[in-house]
Amino acid sequence: MEKEIIWTIRAKEDLQQIYNFNSLVIGEEKAFQLIEQLVKKADVLSNKISGGTRYISQIAPQINYQKLILENHLIIFREEGNHVFVNRIFDARQDPKKLNL
């Protein structure tokens, strides 16, 4: 059974920030392709998840976050019943303290 993927407001904001930054650095077309790749990678979460690894939050270690990696980006998510919440998309080249999760 497929799970519903729910993008949190913060994850959507992360995508927008990634696009804005990368459109200046690599151009709009490649920045858009990166966003498409991130969304496509997150889409695999609707099926049985076997590729994610645990992500331990500094703020809430009791929450069972997992992560997928696409190039320099982490897709941080959690499962709850038939839902998968994409909580953050984070450029791993940044200071992890900025993640604030």
Protein backbone atom coordinates (compact mmCIF):
# COMPACT_ATOMS: atom_id res chain seq x y z
CA MET A 1 0.00 0.00 0.00
CA GLU A 2 1.35 3.39 -0.95
CA LYS A 3 1.87 5.98 1.74
CA GLU A 4 0.83 9.58 1.35
CA ILE A 5 3.75 12.00 1.22
CA ILE A 6 3.13 15.23 3.07
CA TRP A 7 5.55 18.11 2.62
CA THR A 8 5.75 20.33 5.68
CA ILE A 9 5.72 24.09 5.25
CA ARG A 10 9.37 24.17 6.28
CA ALA A 11 10.32 21.56 3.63
CA LYS A 12 8.54 23.61 0.96
CA GLU A 13 10.40 26.71 2.13
CA ASP A 14 13.66 24.73 1.95
CA LEU A 15 12.94 23.83 -1.68
CA GLN A 16 12.28 27.48 -2.49
CA GLN A 17 15.53 28.56 -0.81
CA ILE A 18 17.50 25.85 -2.60
CA TYR A 19 16.02 26.99 -5.92
CA ASN A 20 16.68 30.68 -5.24
CA PHE A 21 20.29 30.09 -4.22
CA ASN A 22 21.11 27.67 -7.02
CA SER A 23 19.42 29.71 -9.74
CA LEU A 24 22.01 32.42 -9.03
CA VAL A 25 24.91 29.96 -8.95
CA ILE A 26 24.11 27.41 -11.66
CA GLY A 27 21.23 29.06 -13.51
CA GLU A 28 17.47 28.71 -13.37
CA GLU A 29 17.20 25.64 -15.60
CA LYS A 30 19.70 23.57 -13.59
CA ALA A 31 18.26 24.82 -10.31
CA PHE A 32 14.82 23.67 -11.45
CA GLN A 33 16.27 20.28 -12.45
CA LEU A 34 17.76 19.95 -8.96
CA ILE A 35 14.35 20.63 -7.39
CA GLU A 36 12.78 18.04 -9.69
CA GLN A 37 15.43 15.49 -8.65
CA LEU A 38 14.79 16.18 -4.96
CA VAL A 39 11.02 15.79 -5.38
CA LYS A 40 11.48 12.61 -7.43
CA LYS A 41 13.82 11.18 -4.78
CA ALA A 42 11.24 11.96 -2.07
CA ASP A 43 8.51 10.28 -4.15
CA VAL A 44 10.12 6.88 -3.49
CA LEU A 45 9.01 7.32 0.11
CA SER A 46 5.42 6.48 -0.89
CA ASN A 47 6.48 2.84 -1.19
CA LYS A 48 7.98 0.64 1.49
CA ILE A 49 10.98 2.51 2.82
CA SER A 50 14.20 0.56 2.89
CA GLY A 51 16.75 3.15 1.82
CA GLY A 52 16.53 5.68 4.62
CA THR A 53 18.98 5.82 7.49
CA ARG A 54 18.29 7.21 10.94
CA TYR A 55 18.83 10.91 11.49
CA ILE A 56 19.27 11.87 15.13
CA SER A 57 17.88 15.30 15.90
CA GLN A 58 19.78 17.50 18.33
CA ILE A 59 16.53 19.07 19.54
CA ALA A 60 14.18 16.08 19.60
CA PRO A 61 16.19 12.83 19.53
CA GLN A 62 13.08 10.86 20.50
CA ILE A 63 11.51 11.52 17.08
CA ASN A 64 12.39 8.79 14.61
CA TYR A 65 13.65 10.87 11.70
CA GLN A 66 15.25 9.22 8.71
CA LYS A 67 17.19 10.66 5.81
CA LEU A 68 17.74 10.08 2.13
CA ILE A 69 20.72 11.59 0.36
CA LEU A 70 20.79 13.16 -3.09
CA GLU A 71 24.20 14.56 -3.94
CA ASN A 72 24.82 17.26 -1.29
CA HIS A 73 21.26 17.32 0.01
CA LEU A 74 19.57 15.47 2.84
CA ILE A 75 15.85 14.74 2.66
CA ILE A 76 14.80 14.36 6.28
CA PHE A 77 11.48 12.62 6.88
CA ARG A 78 9.47 10.65 9.40
CA GLU A 79 6.81 7.99 9.03
CA GLU A 80 3.51 8.06 10.88
CA GLY A 81 1.06 5.36 9.96
CA ASN A 82 0.17 5.66 6.27
CA HIS A 83 1.85 9.06 5.99
CA VAL A 84 5.42 10.12 5.32
CA PHE A 85 6.22 13.67 6.39
CA VAL A 86 9.08 15.35 4.56
CA ASN A 87 10.33 17.68 7.29
CA ARG A 88 13.41 19.32 5.81
CA ILE A 89 15.59 19.44 2.72
CA PHE A 90 19.09 20.46 3.76
CA ASP A 91 22.31 21.17 1.91
CA ALA A 92 24.81 19.06 3.85
CA ARG A 93 27.64 21.48 3.04
CA GLN A 94 26.11 23.91 5.55
CA ASP A 95 26.65 23.95 9.29
CA PRO A 96 24.33 21.25 10.72
CA LYS A 97 23.33 23.65 13.51
CA LYS A 98 21.37 25.59 10.86
CA LEU A 99 19.13 22.57 10.40
CA ASN A 100 17.47 23.29 13.74
CA LEU A 101 15.54 20.04 13.79
